C-alpha atoms as a PDB file:
ATOM      1  CA  MET A   1       2.550 -43.997  54.466  1.00  0.00           C
ATOM      2  CA  ASN A   2       6.136 -44.776  53.497  1.00  0.00           C
ATOM      3  CA  LYS A   3       8.754 -43.750  56.020  1.00  0.00           C
ATOM      4  CA  ARG A   4      11.226 -41.029  55.119  1.00  0.00           C
ATOM      5  CA  ARG A   5      14.674 -42.532  54.620  1.00  0.00           C
ATOM      6  CA  ILE A   6      17.619 -41.001  56.472  1.00  0.00           C
ATOM      7  CA  LEU A   7      21.331 -41.475  55.863  1.00  0.00           C
ATOM      8  CA  VAL A   8      23.563 -40.658  58.853  1.00  0.00           C
ATOM      9  CA  VAL A   9      27.146 -39.628  58.104  1.00  0.00           C
ATOM     10  CA  ASP A  10      29.423 -39.238  61.127  1.00  0.00           C
ATOM     11  CA  ASP A  11      32.792 -40.727  62.054  1.00  0.00           C
ATOM     12  CA  HIS A  12      31.725 -41.321  65.670  1.00  0.00           C
ATOM     13  CA  LEU A  13      29.820 -44.549  66.310  1.00  0.00           C
ATOM     14  CA  VAL A  14      28.151 -43.195  69.442  1.00  0.00           C
ATOM     15  CA  VAL A  15      26.631 -40.322  67.433  1.00  0.00           C
ATOM     16  CA  ARG A  16      25.339 -42.653  64.727  1.00  0.00           C
ATOM     17  CA  GLU A  17      23.848 -45.003  67.316  1.00  0.00           C
ATOM     18  CA  GLY A  18      22.244 -42.116  69.177  1.00  0.00           C
ATOM     19  CA  LEU A  19      20.589 -40.782  66.031  1.00  0.00           C
ATOM     20  CA  LYS A  20      19.321 -44.262  65.143  1.00  0.00           C
ATOM     21  CA  LEU A  21      17.715 -44.549  68.578  1.00  0.00           C
ATOM     22  CA  ILE A  22      15.976 -41.203  68.119  1.00  0.00           C
ATOM     23  CA  PHE A  23      14.499 -42.094  64.740  1.00  0.00           C
ATOM     24  CA  GLU A  24      13.526 -45.631  65.772  1.00  0.00           C
ATOM     25  CA  THR A  25      10.766 -44.096  67.893  1.00  0.00           C
ATOM     26  CA  GLU A  26       9.492 -41.891  65.053  1.00  0.00           C
ATOM     27  CA  GLN A  27       6.664 -43.256  62.900  1.00  0.00           C
ATOM     28  CA  ASN A  28       7.554 -41.262  59.808  1.00  0.00           C
ATOM     29  CA  TYR A  29      11.319 -41.793  59.659  1.00  0.00           C
ATOM     30  CA  GLU A  30      13.905 -44.546  59.532  1.00  0.00           C
ATOM     31  CA  VAL A  31      17.702 -44.622  59.314  1.00  0.00           C
ATOM     32  CA  VAL A  32      18.408 -46.711  56.225  1.00  0.00           C
ATOM     33  CA  GLY A  33      22.173 -46.336  56.248  1.00  0.00           C
ATOM     34  CA  GLU A  34      25.162 -44.942  58.093  1.00  0.00           C
ATOM     35  CA  ALA A  35      28.627 -43.943  56.958  1.00  0.00           C
ATOM     36  CA  GLU A  36      31.727 -43.209  58.981  1.00  0.00           C
ATOM     37  CA  ASN A  37      33.431 -41.175  56.252  1.00  0.00           C
ATOM     38  CA  GLY A  38      32.708 -39.148  53.124  1.00  0.00           C
ATOM     39  CA  ASP A  39      33.730 -41.823  50.624  1.00  0.00           C
ATOM     40  CA  LYS A  40      31.275 -44.296  52.124  1.00  0.00           C
ATOM     41  CA  ALA A  41      28.615 -41.581  52.244  1.00  0.00           C
ATOM     42  CA  LEU A  42      28.871 -40.917  48.498  1.00  0.00           C
ATOM     43  CA  GLU A  43      28.612 -44.631  47.812  1.00  0.00           C
ATOM     44  CA  LEU A  44      25.525 -45.056  50.011  1.00  0.00           C
ATOM     45  CA  VAL A  45      23.751 -41.998  48.633  1.00  0.00           C
ATOM     46  CA  GLU A  46      23.733 -43.540  45.163  1.00  0.00           C
ATOM     47  CA  GLN A  47      22.818 -46.997  46.481  1.00  0.00           C
ATOM     48  CA  LEU A  48      20.110 -46.074  48.995  1.00  0.00           C
ATOM     49  CA  LYS A  49      18.694 -42.840  47.543  1.00  0.00           C
ATOM     50  CA  PRO A  50      17.832 -41.363  50.960  1.00  0.00           C
ATOM     51  CA  ASP A  51      15.267 -38.604  51.460  1.00  0.00           C
ATOM     52  CA  VAL A  52      17.610 -36.621  53.718  1.00  0.00           C
ATOM     53  CA  ILE A  53      21.234 -36.748  54.909  1.00  0.00           C
ATOM     54  CA  LEU A  54      22.474 -35.863  58.389  1.00  0.00           C
ATOM     55  CA  LEU A  55      26.082 -34.872  57.778  1.00  0.00           C
ATOM     56  CA  ASP A  56      28.996 -34.164  60.109  1.00  0.00           C
ATOM     57  CA  LEU A  57      31.582 -31.632  58.933  1.00  0.00           C
ATOM     58  CA  LYS A  58      34.788 -32.897  60.517  1.00  0.00           C
ATOM     59  CA  MET A  59      35.644 -36.377  59.248  1.00  0.00           C
ATOM     60  CA  PRO A  60      38.837 -38.127  58.123  1.00  0.00           C
ATOM     61  CA  ASN A  61      39.802 -38.166  54.422  1.00  0.00           C
ATOM     62  CA  MET A  62      36.813 -36.133  53.218  1.00  0.00           C
ATOM     63  CA  SER A  63      35.076 -33.361  55.142  1.00  0.00           C
ATOM     64  CA  GLY A  64      31.332 -32.771  55.124  1.00  0.00           C
ATOM     65  CA  ILE A  65      31.822 -29.711  52.936  1.00  0.00           C
ATOM     66  CA  GLU A  66      33.725 -31.845  50.414  1.00  0.00           C
ATOM     67  CA  VAL A  67      30.879 -34.366  50.459  1.00  0.00           C
ATOM     68  CA  ILE A  68      28.357 -31.638  49.603  1.00  0.00           C
ATOM     69  CA  LYS A  69      30.600 -30.360  46.796  1.00  0.00           C
ATOM     70  CA  ALA A  70      30.962 -33.882  45.397  1.00  0.00           C
ATOM     71  CA  LEU A  71      27.191 -34.413  45.433  1.00  0.00           C
ATOM     72  CA  ASN A  72      26.692 -31.072  43.679  1.00  0.00           C
ATOM     73  CA  GLU A  73      29.220 -32.032  41.007  1.00  0.00           C
ATOM     74  CA  LYS A  74      27.321 -35.300  40.436  1.00  0.00           C
ATOM     75  CA  ASN A  75      24.034 -33.329  40.253  1.00  0.00           C
ATOM     76  CA  ILE A  76      22.643 -35.453  43.085  1.00  0.00           C
ATOM     77  CA  SER A  77      19.975 -33.443  44.838  1.00  0.00           C
ATOM     78  CA  VAL A  78      19.291 -34.685  48.387  1.00  0.00           C
ATOM     79  CA  PRO A  79      18.324 -32.417  51.294  1.00  0.00           C
ATOM     80  CA  ILE A  80      21.328 -32.154  53.606  1.00  0.00           C
ATOM     81  CA  ILE A  81      21.346 -31.121  57.257  1.00  0.00           C
ATOM     82  CA  ILE A  82      24.761 -30.371  58.712  1.00  0.00           C
ATOM     83  CA  LEU A  83      24.987 -31.768  62.257  1.00  0.00           C
ATOM     84  CA  THR A  84      28.248 -30.787  63.877  1.00  0.00           C
ATOM     85  CA  THR A  85      30.098 -29.330  66.865  1.00  0.00           C
ATOM     86  CA  ILE A  86      31.625 -26.606  64.656  1.00  0.00           C
ATOM     87  CA  ASN A  87      30.029 -23.218  65.249  1.00  0.00           C
ATOM     88  CA  ASP A  88      31.942 -20.646  63.230  1.00  0.00           C
ATOM     89  CA  ASP A  89      30.637 -18.167  60.681  1.00  0.00           C
ATOM     90  CA  ARG A  90      32.799 -19.410  57.824  1.00  0.00           C
ATOM     91  CA  SER A  91      31.636 -23.033  58.103  1.00  0.00           C
ATOM     92  CA  ILE A  92      27.994 -22.032  58.481  1.00  0.00           C
ATOM     93  CA  MET A  93      28.130 -19.690  55.493  1.00  0.00           C
ATOM     94  CA  GLU A  94      29.940 -22.211  53.305  1.00  0.00           C
ATOM     95  CA  GLY A  95      27.513 -25.008  54.142  1.00  0.00           C
ATOM     96  CA  LEU A  96      24.453 -22.873  53.445  1.00  0.00           C
ATOM     97  CA  SER A  97      25.968 -21.417  50.271  1.00  0.00           C
ATOM     98  CA  LEU A  98      26.485 -24.945  48.936  1.00  0.00           C
ATOM     99  CA  GLY A  99      22.813 -25.732  49.518  1.00  0.00           C
ATOM    100  CA  ALA A 100      22.524 -27.307  52.976  1.00  0.00           C
ATOM    101  CA  LYS A 101      18.942 -27.083  54.257  1.00  0.00           C
ATOM    102  CA  GLY A 102      19.900 -26.839  57.911  1.00  0.00           C
ATOM    103  CA  TYR A 103      22.831 -26.353  60.248  1.00  0.00           C
ATOM    104  CA  LEU A 104      22.503 -27.908  63.709  1.00  0.00           C
ATOM    105  CA  LEU A 105      24.903 -28.202  66.597  1.00  0.00           C
ATOM    106  CA  LYS A 106      25.116 -31.601  68.245  1.00  0.00           C
ATOM    107  CA  ASP A 107      23.630 -30.262  71.470  1.00  0.00           C
ATOM    108  CA  THR A 108      20.346 -29.664  69.626  1.00  0.00           C
ATOM    109  CA  THR A 109      17.136 -31.036  71.109  1.00  0.00           C
ATOM    110  CA  ARG A 110      15.289 -34.038  69.728  1.00  0.00           C
ATOM    111  CA  GLU A 111      12.332 -31.806  68.815  1.00  0.00           C
ATOM    112  CA  GLU A 112      14.553 -29.344  66.961  1.00  0.00           C
ATOM    113  CA  LEU A 113      16.238 -32.169  65.060  1.00  0.00           C
ATOM    114  CA  ILE A 114      12.910 -33.628  63.908  1.00  0.00           C
ATOM    115  CA  ARG A 115      11.566 -30.185  62.982  1.00  0.00           C
ATOM    116  CA  THR A 116      14.674 -29.454  60.902  1.00  0.00           C
ATOM    117  CA  VAL A 117      14.438 -32.800  59.107  1.00  0.00           C
ATOM    118  CA  GLU A 118      10.772 -32.136  58.298  1.00  0.00           C
ATOM    119  CA  SER A 119      11.627 -28.673  56.949  1.00  0.00           C
ATOM    120  CA  ALA A 120      14.500 -30.012  54.835  1.00  0.00           C
ATOM    121  CA  ILE A 121      12.280 -32.626  53.204  1.00  0.00           C
ATOM    122  CA  ARG A 122       9.744 -29.892  52.387  1.00  0.00           C
ATOM    123  CA  GLY A 123      12.573 -28.006  50.668  1.00  0.00           C
ATOM    124  CA  GLU A 124      12.772 -25.316  53.346  1.00  0.00           C
ATOM    125  CA  MET A 125      15.777 -24.214  55.351  1.00  0.00           C
ATOM    126  CA  LEU A 126      15.762 -24.114  59.141  1.00  0.00           C
ATOM    127  CA  LEU A 127      18.477 -22.795  61.449  1.00  0.00           C
ATOM    128  CA  GLN A 128      18.473 -23.289  65.200  1.00  0.00           C
ATOM    129  CA  PRO A 129      18.418 -20.021  67.194  1.00  0.00           C
ATOM    130  CA  GLU A 130      22.062 -20.313  68.261  1.00  0.00           C
ATOM    131  CA  ILE A 131      23.164 -20.405  64.636  1.00  0.00           C
ATOM    132  CA  SER A 132      20.922 -17.524  63.599  1.00  0.00           C
ATOM    133  CA  LYS A 133      22.206 -15.343  66.430  1.00  0.00           C
ATOM    134  CA  SER A 134      25.792 -16.125  65.491  1.00  0.00           C
ATOM    135  CA  LEU A 135      25.387 -15.538  61.789  1.00  0.00           C
ATOM    136  CA  PHE A 136      22.950 -12.714  61.203  1.00  0.00           C
ATOM    137  CA  LYS A 137      23.006  -9.088  62.270  1.00  0.00           C
ATOM    138  CA  PRO A 138      19.918  -7.539  63.820  1.00  0.00           C
ATOM    139  CA  LYS A 139      17.458  -5.924  61.407  1.00  0.00           C
ATOM    140  CA  LYS A 140      18.349  -2.379  62.557  1.00  0.00           C
ATOM    141  CA  GLU A 141      22.023  -2.879  61.721  1.00  0.00           C
ATOM    142  CA  LEU A 142      21.062  -4.359  58.361  1.00  0.00           C
ATOM    143  CA  HIS A 143      19.232  -1.166  57.398  1.00  0.00           C
ATOM    144  CA  GLN A 144      22.234   0.954  58.293  1.00  0.00           C
ATOM    145  CA  SER A 145      24.599  -1.049  56.106  1.00  0.00           C
ATOM    146  CA  ASN A 146      22.459  -1.819  53.048  1.00  0.00           C
ATOM    147  CA  HIS A 147      21.074   1.442  51.666  1.00  0.00           C
ATOM    148  CA  SER A 148      22.231   0.425  48.186  1.00  0.00           C
ATOM    149  CA  PHE A 149      19.816  -2.507  48.205  1.00  0.00           C
ATOM    150  CA  ASN A 150      16.741  -0.491  49.205  1.00  0.00           C
ATOM    151  CA  SER A 151      15.726  -0.122  45.555  1.00  0.00           C
ATOM    152  CA  VAL A 152      16.022  -3.879  44.991  1.00  0.00           C
ATOM    153  CA  ILE A 153      14.703  -5.519  48.151  1.00  0.00           C
ATOM    154  CA  THR A 154      11.820  -3.709  49.841  1.00  0.00           C
ATOM    155  CA  GLU A 155      11.606  -3.327  53.606  1.00  0.00           C
ATOM    156  CA  ARG A 156       8.871  -5.949  53.838  1.00  0.00           C
ATOM    157  CA  GLU A 157      10.804  -8.363  51.647  1.00  0.00           C
ATOM    158  CA  LEU A 158      13.862  -7.813  53.831  1.00  0.00           C
ATOM    159  CA  PHE A 159      11.782  -8.638  56.912  1.00  0.00           C
ATOM    160  CA  VAL A 160      10.608 -11.856  55.228  1.00  0.00           C
ATOM    161  CA  LEU A 161      14.153 -12.734  54.168  1.00  0.00           C
ATOM    162  CA  GLN A 162      15.462 -12.220  57.706  1.00  0.00           C
ATOM    163  CA  ALA A 163      12.659 -14.390  59.083  1.00  0.00           C
ATOM    164  CA  VAL A 164      13.460 -17.126  56.574  1.00  0.00           C
ATOM    165  CA  ALA A 165      17.106 -16.971  57.656  1.00  0.00           C
ATOM    166  CA  ARG A 166      15.959 -17.515  61.252  1.00  0.00           C
ATOM    167  CA  GLY A 167      14.099 -20.626  60.150  1.00  0.00           C
ATOM    168  CA  CYS A 168      10.537 -19.274  60.359  1.00  0.00           C
ATOM    169  CA  THR A 169       7.788 -20.888  58.291  1.00  0.00           C
ATOM    170  CA  SER A 170       5.516 -18.872  56.011  1.00  0.00           C
ATOM    171  CA  LYS A 171       2.712 -19.256  58.537  1.00  0.00           C
ATOM    172  CA  GLU A 172       4.885 -17.935  61.373  1.00  0.00           C
ATOM    173  CA  ILE A 173       6.017 -14.977  59.260  1.00  0.00           C
ATOM    174  CA  ALA A 174       2.406 -14.183  58.344  1.00  0.00           C
ATOM    175  CA  LEU A 175       1.369 -14.152  62.007  1.00  0.00           C
ATOM    176  CA  ASP A 176       4.338 -11.973  62.953  1.00  0.00           C
ATOM    177  CA  MET A 177       3.653  -9.457  60.166  1.00  0.00           C
ATOM    178  CA  GLY A 178      -0.130  -9.534  60.512  1.00  0.00           C
ATOM    179  CA  ILE A 179      -0.671 -10.500  56.871  1.00  0.00           C
ATOM    180  CA  ALA A 180      -2.057 -13.504  54.992  1.00  0.00           C
ATOM    181  CA  GLU A 181       0.197 -16.496  54.377  1.00  0.00           C
ATOM    182  CA  ARG A 182      -0.369 -16.123  50.623  1.00  0.00           C
ATOM    183  CA  THR A 183       1.053 -12.591  50.883  1.00  0.00           C
ATOM    184  CA  VAL A 184       4.210 -13.972  52.490  1.00  0.00           C
ATOM    185  CA  LYS A 185       4.494 -16.446  49.624  1.00  0.00           C
ATOM    186  CA  ALA A 186       4.080 -13.564  47.169  1.00  0.00           C
ATOM    187  CA  HIS A 187       6.931 -11.717  48.901  1.00  0.00           C
ATOM    188  CA  LEU A 188       9.061 -14.875  48.633  1.00  0.00           C
ATOM    189  CA  THR A 189       8.277 -15.153  44.924  1.00  0.00           C
ATOM    190  CA  ASN A 190       9.424 -11.553  44.444  1.00  0.00           C
ATOM    191  CA  ILE A 191      12.599 -12.217  46.445  1.00  0.00           C
ATOM    192  CA  TYR A 192      13.390 -15.316  44.361  1.00  0.00           C
ATOM    193  CA  SER A 193      12.885 -13.329  41.178  1.00  0.00           C
ATOM    194  CA  LYS A 194      15.073 -10.420  42.295  1.00  0.00           C
ATOM    195  CA  LEU A 195      17.875 -12.668  43.554  1.00  0.00           C
ATOM    196  CA  LYS A 196      17.498 -15.113  40.639  1.00  0.00           C
ATOM    197  CA  VAL A 197      17.080 -18.164  42.892  1.00  0.00           C
ATOM    198  CA  ASP A 198      14.550 -20.980  43.279  1.00  0.00           C
ATOM    199  CA  SER A 199      14.520 -21.799  46.986  1.00  0.00           C
ATOM    200  CA  ARG A 200      14.738 -20.403  50.509  1.00  0.00           C
ATOM    201  CA  SER A 201      18.234 -21.763  51.096  1.00  0.00           C
ATOM    202  CA  GLU A 202      19.508 -20.243  47.846  1.00  0.00           C
ATOM    203  CA  ALA A 203      17.877 -16.918  48.714  1.00  0.00           C
ATOM    204  CA  VAL A 204      19.660 -16.778  52.085  1.00  0.00           C
ATOM    205  CA  ALA A 205      22.990 -17.841  50.555  1.00  0.00           C
ATOM    206  CA  VAL A 206      22.798 -15.204  47.789  1.00  0.00           C
ATOM    207  CA  ALA A 207      21.652 -12.581  50.298  1.00  0.00           C
ATOM    208  CA  ILE A 208      24.776 -13.262  52.351  1.00  0.00           C
ATOM    209  CA  GLU A 209      26.996 -13.113  49.268  1.00  0.00           C
ATOM    210  CA  GLN A 210      25.474  -9.854  48.003  1.00  0.00           C
ATOM    211  CA  GLY A 211      25.533  -8.163  51.398  1.00  0.00           C
ATOM    212  CA  ILE A 212      21.778  -8.032  51.910  1.00  0.00           C
ATOM    213  CA  ILE A 213      22.373 -10.106  55.024  1.00  0.00           C
ATOM    214  CA  HIS A 214      25.679  -9.604  56.779  1.00  0.00           C
ATOM    215  CA  ILE A 215      27.762 -11.961  58.837  1.00  0.00           C
ATOM    216  CA  LYS A 216      28.148 -10.508  62.306  1.00  0.00           C
ATOM    217  CA  LYS A 217      31.680  -9.382  63.012  1.00  0.00           C
END
């Protein structure tokens, strides 16, 4: 089995070295490149064609958000996980809206990091609990503020969408709802169709933009 190739983008050497040490002990992953700034990152993405990018937000010359925008403009599709110390709603929302598959704080655990990388490569989005709690309102508050969407997104679809935003897998959602996993996937298909999107990350981003999911004030 070929190892999944990771590109690490962070302006701090100690962070890059730490991430390399973590993935050196993983059978399925390897760090194939590292960049200390956005310009170098864009160069290495085209050269190395990584399977996933771990991207810091705050860097000199070009921020992580600018890197994502540049990749989008070039139509380069690589799963990106934002790994940063910045925990504010605006940065989280912007990163997810641009297509990031995960948003982790640098105090994340090794297990959570690996799980997020695995999800990103599968095309799924995963948020650590701290980010979910910061970004999303509880389900009860959602119902109070989104009556206009009741005719578009059903209650069960809303439950699935909220669970996706928290980083739950289809299997976990099925167990929580007491339904078959294929039924969860059917709900997701309906959500994608209604929101005119093709992926979990796009669904969450559009849901935020349209007010189906609200940023907590």
